[in-house]
C-alpha cells in the first residue's frame, strides 16, 4: 500500500511540475500557495484520537470560479506513553468559489492517499494476549470541505476551513484549519 501512496505523491508532484513548466506564464498570474495549521480528530477501526493538524498546498485558478489544489496534509501525529498514531499523505482537490468584497467562500471535493500508522501498548485495544499491537495501512479517502479566504491585501488571504475525510475500514477525519494563502 505504501507504493500506492508514493505513486500518488509522485503523480501529484510530477503533474504540478509539468503544469508549471507548460503554463508558466499563466501560473504566475493564477497560482497560489497555502499553509494551514489546525485541529484534527481521526477515527480508525482501531482507535480515535485528536491532535494538531497541518498542511501545505499549491493551487491554480483555471477558471474565474474554479481552482485545482494539490498538497500534503498531516491529519494527526501524536505519541504518548500508551500509543502513537500518525495519519498523513498527499491530496488533490477541486475548489469552487464565490467571491465578495471581503474574500472568497469556497467548497472543495477531492481525493487523498492517507498513510495510517498506529501502535498501542494497551491490552484493551489489542486483545488480552497482546503486549503491543499495531496497524499500518494506506487508504484512498474522499474529502469534502468548506472554507473562506479573507482578503488581507492584493496577494494575501487568511483561510478558515473545515474538511472531512472518509474512507474504507471506518476511517474518518474532521479537520478545522486556520491558514495563510499567497498568490504569486
N, C-alpha and C. Protein backbone atom coordinates (compact mmCIF):
# COMPACT_ATOMS: atom_id res chain seq x y z
N UNK A 1 0.81 -1.19 0.00
CA UNK A 1 0.00 0.00 0.00
C UNK A 1 0.86 1.26 0.00
N UNK A 2 2.04 1.21 0.62
CA UNK A 2 2.89 2.39 0.62
C UNK A 2 3.30 2.76 -0.79
N UNK A 3 3.50 1.77 -1.67
CA UNK A 3 3.88 2.09 -3.04
C UNK A 3 2.77 2.84 -3.75
N UNK A 4 1.49 2.55 -3.41
CA UNK A 4 0.37 3.28 -3.98
C UNK A 4 0.43 4.73 -3.54
N UNK A 5 0.72 4.98 -2.26
CA UNK A 5 0.83 6.34 -1.74
C UNK A 5 2.00 7.08 -2.38
N UNK A 6 3.12 6.40 -2.52
CA UNK A 6 4.28 7.02 -3.15
C UNK A 6 4.01 7.31 -4.62
N UNK A 7 3.32 6.41 -5.30
CA UNK A 7 2.96 6.63 -6.70
C UNK A 7 2.02 7.81 -6.83
N UNK A 8 1.05 7.92 -5.92
CA UNK A 8 0.10 9.03 -5.93
C UNK A 8 0.84 10.35 -5.69
N UNK A 9 1.76 10.36 -4.72
CA UNK A 9 2.52 11.58 -4.42
C UNK A 9 3.38 11.97 -5.62
N UNK A 10 4.04 10.99 -6.26
CA UNK A 10 4.86 11.28 -7.43
C UNK A 10 4.01 11.82 -8.57
N UNK A 11 2.81 11.28 -8.74
CA UNK A 11 1.91 11.76 -9.80
C UNK A 11 1.48 13.20 -9.54
N UNK A 12 1.14 13.53 -8.30
CA UNK A 12 0.73 14.90 -7.95
C UNK A 12 1.89 15.87 -8.16
N UNK A 13 3.07 15.52 -7.67
CA UNK A 13 4.23 16.39 -7.79
C UNK A 13 4.66 16.52 -9.25
N UNK A 14 4.66 15.40 -9.98
CA UNK A 14 5.02 15.43 -11.40
C UNK A 14 4.05 16.25 -12.21
N UNK A 15 2.76 16.10 -11.94
CA UNK A 15 1.74 16.87 -12.66
C UNK A 15 1.89 18.36 -12.38
N UNK A 16 2.16 18.70 -11.14
CA UNK A 16 2.35 20.11 -10.79
C UNK A 16 3.59 20.68 -11.48
N UNK A 17 4.66 19.91 -11.54
CA UNK A 17 5.88 20.37 -12.20
C UNK A 17 5.66 20.57 -13.70
N UNK A 18 5.01 19.62 -14.34
CA UNK A 18 4.73 19.72 -15.78
C UNK A 18 3.81 20.90 -16.06
N UNK A 19 2.76 21.04 -15.24
CA UNK A 19 1.82 22.16 -15.43
C UNK A 19 2.52 23.49 -15.24
N UNK A 20 3.43 23.58 -14.28
CA UNK A 20 4.12 24.86 -14.06
C UNK A 20 5.07 25.18 -15.21
N UNK A 21 5.67 24.16 -15.84
CA UNK A 21 6.54 24.41 -16.99
C UNK A 21 5.73 24.80 -18.22
N UNK A 22 4.65 24.08 -18.48
CA UNK A 22 3.85 24.32 -19.67
C UNK A 22 3.10 25.64 -19.57
N UNK A 23 2.53 25.91 -18.40
CA UNK A 23 1.71 27.10 -18.22
C UNK A 23 2.41 28.13 -17.33
N UNK A 24 3.72 28.26 -17.45
CA UNK A 24 4.46 29.13 -16.54
C UNK A 24 3.98 30.58 -16.59
N UNK A 25 3.63 31.07 -17.75
CA UNK A 25 3.14 32.44 -17.84
C UNK A 25 1.79 32.59 -17.14
N UNK A 26 0.91 31.61 -17.32
CA UNK A 26 -0.40 31.66 -16.67
C UNK A 26 -0.31 31.35 -15.18
N UNK A 27 0.57 30.42 -14.82
CA UNK A 27 0.68 30.01 -13.42
C UNK A 27 1.13 31.16 -12.53
N UNK A 28 1.96 32.05 -13.09
CA UNK A 28 2.42 33.18 -12.30
C UNK A 28 1.23 34.07 -11.93
N UNK A 29 0.32 34.25 -12.87
CA UNK A 29 -0.83 35.12 -12.63
C UNK A 29 -1.92 34.43 -11.82
N UNK A 30 -2.02 33.12 -11.89
CA UNK A 30 -3.14 32.41 -11.29
C UNK A 30 -2.76 31.38 -10.24
N UNK A 31 -1.51 31.31 -9.86
CA UNK A 31 -1.08 30.31 -8.90
C UNK A 31 -1.08 30.85 -7.47
N UNK A 32 -1.15 29.94 -6.51
CA UNK A 32 -1.09 30.32 -5.11
C UNK A 32 -0.51 29.19 -4.28
N UNK A 33 -0.04 29.56 -3.10
CA UNK A 33 0.42 28.60 -2.10
C UNK A 33 -0.35 28.85 -0.82
N UNK A 34 -0.62 27.78 -0.08
CA UNK A 34 -1.35 27.91 1.17
C UNK A 34 -0.72 27.00 2.23
N UNK A 35 -0.63 27.51 3.44
CA UNK A 35 -0.14 26.73 4.58
C UNK A 35 -1.19 26.83 5.69
N UNK A 36 -1.53 25.69 6.28
CA UNK A 36 -2.58 25.63 7.31
C UNK A 36 -2.07 24.96 8.57
N UNK A 37 -2.63 25.35 9.69
CA UNK A 37 -2.45 24.64 10.95
C UNK A 37 -3.83 24.55 11.59
N UNK A 38 -4.11 23.45 12.23
CA UNK A 38 -5.45 23.30 12.78
C UNK A 38 -5.54 22.20 13.82
N UNK A 39 -6.75 21.71 13.97
CA UNK A 39 -7.05 20.67 14.94
C UNK A 39 -7.76 19.55 14.22
N UNK A 40 -7.29 18.32 14.39
CA UNK A 40 -7.88 17.19 13.71
C UNK A 40 -8.34 16.10 14.64
N UNK A 41 -9.45 15.48 14.30
CA UNK A 41 -9.98 14.32 15.02
C UNK A 41 -10.04 13.17 14.02
N UNK A 42 -9.25 12.12 14.25
CA UNK A 42 -9.15 10.99 13.33
C UNK A 42 -9.73 9.75 13.99
N UNK A 43 -10.63 9.07 13.29
CA UNK A 43 -11.20 7.80 13.74
C UNK A 43 -10.77 6.70 12.78
N UNK A 44 -10.19 5.63 13.33
CA UNK A 44 -9.85 4.45 12.53
C UNK A 44 -10.60 3.27 13.12
N UNK A 45 -10.44 2.11 12.50
CA UNK A 45 -11.12 0.93 13.03
C UNK A 45 -10.52 0.49 14.36
N UNK A 46 -9.32 0.99 14.69
CA UNK A 46 -8.64 0.63 15.93
C UNK A 46 -8.91 1.63 17.05
N UNK A 47 -8.86 2.93 16.74
CA UNK A 47 -8.90 3.93 17.80
C UNK A 47 -9.38 5.28 17.25
N UNK A 48 -9.56 6.22 18.16
CA UNK A 48 -9.91 7.59 17.82
C UNK A 48 -9.00 8.52 18.61
N UNK A 49 -8.48 9.53 17.94
CA UNK A 49 -7.55 10.44 18.61
C UNK A 49 -7.66 11.83 17.98
N UNK A 50 -7.35 12.86 18.74
CA UNK A 50 -7.39 14.24 18.26
C UNK A 50 -6.08 14.94 18.61
N UNK A 51 -5.59 15.78 17.69
CA UNK A 51 -4.34 16.49 17.91
C UNK A 51 -4.19 17.58 16.84
N UNK A 52 -3.03 18.22 16.83
CA UNK A 52 -2.72 19.28 15.88
C UNK A 52 -2.60 18.70 14.47
N UNK A 53 -3.11 19.45 13.50
CA UNK A 53 -3.06 19.08 12.09
C UNK A 53 -2.37 20.20 11.33
N UNK A 54 -1.68 19.86 10.25
CA UNK A 54 -1.07 20.89 9.41
C UNK A 54 -1.05 20.42 7.97
N UNK A 55 -0.98 21.39 7.04
CA UNK A 55 -0.93 21.06 5.62
C UNK A 55 -0.28 22.20 4.84
N UNK A 56 0.17 21.86 3.64
CA UNK A 56 0.71 22.84 2.68
C UNK A 56 0.25 22.41 1.31
N UNK A 57 -0.07 23.39 0.46
CA UNK A 57 -0.58 23.05 -0.87
C UNK A 57 -0.24 24.14 -1.87
N UNK A 58 -0.27 23.75 -3.14
CA UNK A 58 -0.17 24.66 -4.26
C UNK A 58 -1.47 24.59 -5.02
N UNK A 59 -1.94 25.72 -5.51
CA UNK A 59 -3.19 25.76 -6.25
C UNK A 59 -3.06 26.56 -7.52
N UNK A 60 -4.01 26.36 -8.42
CA UNK A 60 -4.04 27.06 -9.69
C UNK A 60 -5.48 27.38 -10.06
N UNK A 61 -5.75 28.64 -10.38
CA UNK A 61 -7.08 29.05 -10.82
C UNK A 61 -7.14 28.91 -12.33
N UNK A 62 -7.91 27.93 -12.81
CA UNK A 62 -8.01 27.70 -14.25
C UNK A 62 -9.27 28.30 -14.86
N UNK A 63 -10.17 28.81 -14.05
CA UNK A 63 -11.40 29.46 -14.48
C UNK A 63 -11.74 30.48 -13.40
N UNK A 64 -12.55 31.48 -13.72
CA UNK A 64 -12.82 32.53 -12.73
C UNK A 64 -13.48 32.00 -11.46
N UNK A 65 -14.13 30.82 -11.52
CA UNK A 65 -14.78 30.24 -10.34
C UNK A 65 -14.18 28.91 -9.89
N UNK A 66 -13.13 28.42 -10.53
CA UNK A 66 -12.61 27.09 -10.23
C UNK A 66 -11.10 27.08 -10.02
N UNK A 67 -10.70 26.33 -9.00
CA UNK A 67 -9.29 26.10 -8.69
C UNK A 67 -9.04 24.59 -8.65
N UNK A 68 -7.79 24.22 -8.88
CA UNK A 68 -7.32 22.87 -8.58
C UNK A 68 -6.20 23.05 -7.55
N UNK A 69 -6.20 22.19 -6.52
CA UNK A 69 -5.24 22.32 -5.42
C UNK A 69 -4.68 20.95 -5.08
N UNK A 70 -3.37 20.87 -4.96
CA UNK A 70 -2.70 19.64 -4.56
C UNK A 70 -1.75 19.93 -3.43
N UNK A 71 -1.70 19.04 -2.47
CA UNK A 71 -0.82 19.28 -1.33
C UNK A 71 -0.59 18.06 -0.48
N UNK A 72 -0.06 18.31 0.68
CA UNK A 72 0.26 17.26 1.65
C UNK A 72 -0.35 17.67 2.99
N UNK A 73 -1.00 16.72 3.63
CA UNK A 73 -1.66 17.01 4.91
C UNK A 73 -1.26 15.97 5.96
N UNK A 74 -0.99 16.46 7.15
CA UNK A 74 -0.80 15.60 8.31
C UNK A 74 -2.05 15.75 9.16
N UNK A 75 -2.92 14.76 9.11
CA UNK A 75 -4.17 14.82 9.84
C UNK A 75 -3.95 14.74 11.35
N UNK A 76 -3.01 13.88 11.74
CA UNK A 76 -2.68 13.73 13.16
C UNK A 76 -1.32 13.05 13.27
N UNK A 77 -0.55 13.42 14.27
CA UNK A 77 0.75 12.81 14.53
C UNK A 77 1.02 12.96 16.02
N UNK A 78 0.63 11.97 16.79
CA UNK A 78 0.75 12.06 18.24
C UNK A 78 1.42 10.81 18.79
N UNK A 79 2.13 11.00 19.89
CA UNK A 79 2.84 9.90 20.53
C UNK A 79 2.82 10.15 22.03
N UNK A 80 2.32 9.17 22.81
CA UNK A 80 2.33 9.28 24.26
C UNK A 80 2.76 7.95 24.86
N UNK A 81 2.62 7.78 26.15
CA UNK A 81 3.10 6.57 26.83
C UNK A 81 2.33 5.32 26.41
N UNK A 82 1.08 5.46 26.00
CA UNK A 82 0.25 4.31 25.70
C UNK A 82 0.14 3.98 24.22
N UNK A 83 0.29 5.01 23.34
CA UNK A 83 0.10 4.74 21.91
C UNK A 83 0.75 5.83 21.07
N UNK A 84 0.94 5.50 19.80
CA UNK A 84 1.33 6.50 18.82
C UNK A 84 0.44 6.31 17.61
N UNK A 85 0.01 7.42 17.02
CA UNK A 85 -0.84 7.36 15.85
C UNK A 85 -0.41 8.46 14.89
N UNK A 86 -0.32 8.10 13.63
CA UNK A 86 0.07 9.03 12.59
C UNK A 86 -0.82 8.80 11.39
N UNK A 87 -1.30 9.87 10.79
CA UNK A 87 -2.18 9.79 9.64
C UNK A 87 -1.87 10.97 8.73
N UNK A 88 -1.27 10.70 7.56
CA UNK A 88 -0.84 11.78 6.68
C UNK A 88 -0.72 11.29 5.25
N UNK A 89 -0.68 12.26 4.31
CA UNK A 89 -0.50 11.91 2.92
C UNK A 89 -0.86 13.02 1.96
N UNK A 90 -0.63 12.80 0.66
CA UNK A 90 -0.94 13.80 -0.36
C UNK A 90 -2.43 13.82 -0.70
N UNK A 91 -2.89 14.96 -1.22
CA UNK A 91 -4.27 15.08 -1.67
C UNK A 91 -4.36 15.92 -2.93
N UNK A 92 -5.45 15.77 -3.65
CA UNK A 92 -5.75 16.55 -4.84
C UNK A 92 -7.22 16.92 -4.77
N UNK A 93 -7.54 18.22 -4.96
CA UNK A 93 -8.92 18.68 -4.79
C UNK A 93 -9.29 19.71 -5.85
N UNK A 94 -10.57 19.78 -6.13
CA UNK A 94 -11.17 20.78 -6.99
C UNK A 94 -11.95 21.74 -6.09
N UNK A 95 -11.71 23.05 -6.25
CA UNK A 95 -12.37 24.06 -5.43
C UNK A 95 -13.26 24.94 -6.30
N UNK A 96 -14.49 25.15 -5.85
CA UNK A 96 -15.40 26.10 -6.48
C UNK A 96 -15.56 27.28 -5.55
N UNK A 97 -15.59 28.50 -6.11
CA UNK A 97 -15.61 29.66 -5.22
C UNK A 97 -16.72 30.64 -5.60
N UNK A 98 -17.08 31.45 -4.63
CA UNK A 98 -17.97 32.60 -4.81
C UNK A 98 -17.27 33.78 -4.15
N UNK A 99 -16.99 34.82 -4.91
CA UNK A 99 -16.23 35.97 -4.40
C UNK A 99 -17.14 37.07 -3.89
N UNK A 100 -16.62 37.82 -2.93
CA UNK A 100 -17.27 39.02 -2.42
C UNK A 100 -16.19 40.07 -2.21
N UNK A 101 -16.55 41.23 -1.71
CA UNK A 101 -15.57 42.27 -1.43
C UNK A 101 -14.66 41.91 -0.26
N UNK A 102 -15.11 41.03 0.62
CA UNK A 102 -14.34 40.64 1.81
C UNK A 102 -13.43 39.45 1.56
N UNK A 103 -13.79 38.59 0.58
CA UNK A 103 -13.00 37.39 0.34
C UNK A 103 -13.71 36.42 -0.56
N UNK A 104 -13.34 35.14 -0.42
CA UNK A 104 -13.89 34.08 -1.25
C UNK A 104 -14.43 32.94 -0.38
N UNK A 105 -15.70 32.64 -0.56
CA UNK A 105 -16.30 31.45 0.04
C UNK A 105 -16.05 30.32 -0.94
N UNK A 106 -15.60 29.18 -0.46
CA UNK A 106 -15.31 28.08 -1.37
C UNK A 106 -15.72 26.74 -0.76
N UNK A 107 -15.91 25.79 -1.65
CA UNK A 107 -16.07 24.39 -1.24
C UNK A 107 -15.05 23.59 -2.01
N UNK A 108 -14.68 22.44 -1.47
CA UNK A 108 -13.73 21.60 -2.18
C UNK A 108 -14.11 20.14 -2.05
N UNK A 109 -13.84 19.41 -3.11
CA UNK A 109 -14.03 17.96 -3.14
C UNK A 109 -12.77 17.37 -3.76
N UNK A 110 -12.38 16.20 -3.28
CA UNK A 110 -11.17 15.62 -3.81
C UNK A 110 -10.90 14.23 -3.27
N UNK A 111 -9.65 13.83 -3.41
CA UNK A 111 -9.22 12.51 -3.01
C UNK A 111 -7.85 12.64 -2.34
N UNK A 112 -7.60 11.75 -1.37
CA UNK A 112 -6.32 11.74 -0.64
C UNK A 112 -5.84 10.31 -0.49
N UNK A 113 -4.54 10.15 -0.47
CA UNK A 113 -3.92 8.86 -0.16
C UNK A 113 -3.35 8.99 1.25
N UNK A 114 -3.97 8.33 2.21
CA UNK A 114 -3.65 8.54 3.63
C UNK A 114 -2.92 7.31 4.19
N UNK A 115 -1.69 7.54 4.69
CA UNK A 115 -0.93 6.51 5.40
C UNK A 115 -1.32 6.57 6.86
N UNK A 116 -1.79 5.44 7.39
CA UNK A 116 -2.20 5.37 8.79
C UNK A 116 -1.27 4.40 9.51
N UNK A 117 -0.62 4.88 10.56
CA UNK A 117 0.23 4.05 11.39
C UNK A 117 -0.23 4.19 12.84
N UNK A 118 -0.46 3.06 13.50
CA UNK A 118 -0.95 3.09 14.87
C UNK A 118 -0.27 1.97 15.65
N UNK A 119 0.30 2.30 16.78
CA UNK A 119 0.90 1.32 17.68
C UNK A 119 0.37 1.59 19.08
N UNK A 120 -0.01 0.50 19.78
CA UNK A 120 -0.59 0.66 21.11
C UNK A 120 -0.03 -0.40 22.05
N UNK A 121 0.12 -0.03 23.33
CA UNK A 121 0.52 -1.00 24.34
C UNK A 121 -0.63 -1.28 25.29
N UNK A 122 -1.81 -0.75 24.98
CA UNK A 122 -2.99 -1.04 25.79
C UNK A 122 -3.54 -2.41 25.44
N UNK A 123 -3.72 -3.26 26.43
CA UNK A 123 -4.25 -4.59 26.15
C UNK A 123 -5.72 -4.54 25.75
N UNK A 124 -6.45 -3.53 26.19
CA UNK A 124 -7.87 -3.45 25.83
C UNK A 124 -8.04 -3.17 24.34
N UNK A 125 -7.11 -2.45 23.72
CA UNK A 125 -7.21 -2.16 22.29
C UNK A 125 -6.67 -3.31 21.45
N UNK A 126 -5.76 -4.11 22.01
CA UNK A 126 -5.08 -5.14 21.24
C UNK A 126 -5.64 -6.55 21.46
N UNK A 127 -6.29 -6.79 22.55
CA UNK A 127 -6.70 -8.13 22.93
C UNK A 127 -5.97 -8.53 24.19
N UNK A 128 -6.47 -9.50 24.90
CA UNK A 128 -5.92 -9.83 26.22
C UNK A 128 -4.52 -10.43 26.16
N UNK A 129 -4.14 -11.10 25.05
CA UNK A 129 -2.84 -11.75 24.97
C UNK A 129 -1.73 -10.82 24.46
N UNK A 130 -2.08 -9.73 23.85
CA UNK A 130 -1.08 -8.87 23.22
C UNK A 130 -0.46 -7.89 24.22
N UNK A 131 0.82 -7.66 24.06
CA UNK A 131 1.52 -6.67 24.84
C UNK A 131 1.61 -5.37 24.02
N UNK A 132 1.92 -5.51 22.75
CA UNK A 132 1.98 -4.36 21.84
C UNK A 132 1.32 -4.77 20.54
N UNK A 133 0.55 -3.88 19.98
CA UNK A 133 -0.08 -4.20 18.70
C UNK A 133 0.03 -3.00 17.78
N UNK A 134 -0.15 -3.23 16.50
CA UNK A 134 -0.01 -2.14 15.56
C UNK A 134 -0.94 -2.29 14.37
N UNK A 135 -1.07 -1.20 13.68
CA UNK A 135 -1.90 -1.12 12.49
C UNK A 135 -1.18 -0.21 11.52
N UNK A 136 -0.96 -0.66 10.29
CA UNK A 136 -0.26 0.13 9.29
C UNK A 136 -0.95 -0.12 7.96
N UNK A 137 -1.55 0.93 7.38
CA UNK A 137 -2.29 0.77 6.14
C UNK A 137 -2.27 2.08 5.37
N UNK A 138 -2.47 1.99 4.09
CA UNK A 138 -2.65 3.15 3.23
C UNK A 138 -4.01 3.03 2.59
N UNK A 139 -4.82 4.07 2.72
CA UNK A 139 -6.15 4.04 2.15
C UNK A 139 -6.35 5.25 1.24
N UNK A 140 -7.27 5.09 0.30
CA UNK A 140 -7.71 6.20 -0.53
C UNK A 140 -8.98 6.74 0.12
N UNK A 141 -8.97 8.03 0.43
CA UNK A 141 -10.10 8.65 1.11
C UNK A 141 -10.64 9.80 0.27
N UNK A 142 -11.94 9.96 0.31
CA UNK A 142 -12.57 11.12 -0.31
C UNK A 142 -12.53 12.27 0.68
N UNK A 143 -12.56 13.49 0.16
CA UNK A 143 -12.57 14.65 1.04
C UNK A 143 -13.58 15.67 0.54
N UNK A 144 -14.17 16.37 1.48
CA UNK A 144 -15.11 17.46 1.19
C UNK A 144 -14.88 18.55 2.22
N UNK A 145 -14.86 19.79 1.77
CA UNK A 145 -14.58 20.88 2.69
C UNK A 145 -15.32 22.15 2.34
N UNK A 146 -15.35 23.05 3.29
CA UNK A 146 -15.98 24.35 3.14
C UNK A 146 -15.09 25.35 3.86
N UNK A 147 -14.84 26.51 3.22
CA UNK A 147 -13.97 27.48 3.84
C UNK A 147 -14.18 28.89 3.32
N UNK A 148 -13.44 29.82 3.91
CA UNK A 148 -13.49 31.21 3.50
C UNK A 148 -12.08 31.77 3.52
N UNK A 149 -11.68 32.41 2.42
CA UNK A 149 -10.40 33.10 2.32
C UNK A 149 -10.68 34.60 2.44
N UNK A 150 -10.22 35.21 3.53
CA UNK A 150 -10.46 36.62 3.81
C UNK A 150 -9.30 37.44 3.25
N UNK A 151 -9.60 38.45 2.42
CA UNK A 151 -8.57 39.29 1.81
C UNK A 151 -7.82 40.11 2.85
N UNK A 152 -6.49 40.01 2.84
CA UNK A 152 -5.63 40.88 3.64
C UNK A 152 -5.04 41.98 2.76
N UNK A 153 -4.77 41.64 1.52
CA UNK A 153 -4.18 42.55 0.55
C UNK A 153 -4.45 42.00 -0.84
N UNK A 154 -3.73 42.51 -1.83
CA UNK A 154 -3.94 42.06 -3.20
C UNK A 154 -3.50 40.61 -3.42
N UNK A 155 -2.47 40.17 -2.71
CA UNK A 155 -1.94 38.83 -2.93
C UNK A 155 -2.03 37.91 -1.72
N UNK A 156 -2.55 38.37 -0.62
CA UNK A 156 -2.56 37.53 0.59
C UNK A 156 -3.96 37.42 1.19
N UNK A 157 -4.21 36.26 1.79
CA UNK A 157 -5.51 35.97 2.40
C UNK A 157 -5.30 35.13 3.66
N UNK A 158 -6.25 35.24 4.58
CA UNK A 158 -6.31 34.34 5.73
C UNK A 158 -7.39 33.32 5.44
N UNK A 159 -7.08 32.05 5.65
CA UNK A 159 -8.01 30.97 5.33
C UNK A 159 -8.55 30.34 6.60
N UNK A 160 -9.87 30.15 6.65
CA UNK A 160 -10.55 29.39 7.69
C UNK A 160 -11.29 28.27 6.97
N UNK A 161 -11.10 27.02 7.45
CA UNK A 161 -11.59 25.88 6.67
C UNK A 161 -11.98 24.70 7.55
N UNK A 162 -13.01 23.99 7.12
CA UNK A 162 -13.38 22.69 7.71
C UNK A 162 -13.31 21.67 6.59
N UNK A 163 -12.67 20.52 6.84
CA UNK A 163 -12.57 19.45 5.86
C UNK A 163 -12.89 18.12 6.51
N UNK A 164 -13.65 17.31 5.79
CA UNK A 164 -13.99 15.96 6.22
C UNK A 164 -13.31 14.97 5.27
N UNK A 165 -12.69 13.95 5.83
CA UNK A 165 -12.09 12.85 5.07
C UNK A 165 -12.83 11.58 5.45
N UNK A 166 -13.11 10.72 4.49
CA UNK A 166 -13.76 9.45 4.76
C UNK A 166 -13.25 8.37 3.82
N UNK A 167 -13.03 7.16 4.37
CA UNK A 167 -12.52 6.07 3.55
C UNK A 167 -12.91 4.72 4.10
N UNK A 168 -12.30 3.69 3.56
CA UNK A 168 -12.63 2.31 3.95
C UNK A 168 -12.23 2.02 5.39
N UNK A 169 -12.68 0.90 5.88
CA UNK A 169 -12.36 0.42 7.24
C UNK A 169 -12.73 1.46 8.31
N UNK A 170 -13.85 2.12 8.15
CA UNK A 170 -14.36 3.09 9.12
C UNK A 170 -13.41 4.26 9.38
N UNK A 171 -12.58 4.60 8.40
CA UNK A 171 -11.69 5.75 8.55
C UNK A 171 -12.48 7.04 8.32
N UNK A 172 -12.31 8.00 9.24
CA UNK A 172 -12.87 9.33 9.05
C UNK A 172 -12.02 10.34 9.81
N UNK A 173 -12.02 11.57 9.32
CA UNK A 173 -11.28 12.64 9.97
C UNK A 173 -12.03 13.94 9.79
N UNK A 174 -12.04 14.73 10.84
CA UNK A 174 -12.65 16.06 10.83
C UNK A 174 -11.53 17.04 11.16
N UNK A 175 -11.28 18.00 10.26
CA UNK A 175 -10.17 18.94 10.43
C UNK A 175 -10.71 20.36 10.36
N UNK A 176 -10.30 21.20 11.32
CA UNK A 176 -10.61 22.63 11.31
C UNK A 176 -9.27 23.34 11.21
N UNK A 177 -9.09 24.18 10.17
CA UNK A 177 -7.81 24.82 9.89
C UNK A 177 -7.89 26.34 9.91
N UNK A 178 -6.76 26.95 10.23
CA UNK A 178 -6.53 28.37 10.05
C UNK A 178 -5.25 28.46 9.24
N UNK A 179 -5.28 29.22 8.13
CA UNK A 179 -4.11 29.24 7.27
C UNK A 179 -3.84 30.58 6.63
N UNK A 180 -2.80 30.59 5.81
CA UNK A 180 -2.39 31.77 5.06
C UNK A 180 -2.24 31.38 3.60
N UNK A 181 -2.85 32.15 2.72
CA UNK A 181 -2.80 31.90 1.27
C UNK A 181 -2.12 33.08 0.60
N UNK A 182 -1.18 32.78 -0.30
CA UNK A 182 -0.43 33.82 -1.00
C UNK A 182 -0.47 33.57 -2.51
N UNK A 183 -0.89 34.56 -3.29
CA UNK A 183 -0.91 34.48 -4.75
C UNK A 183 0.44 34.92 -5.31
N UNK A 184 0.90 34.18 -6.30
CA UNK A 184 2.16 34.59 -6.96
C UNK A 184 1.98 34.65 -8.45
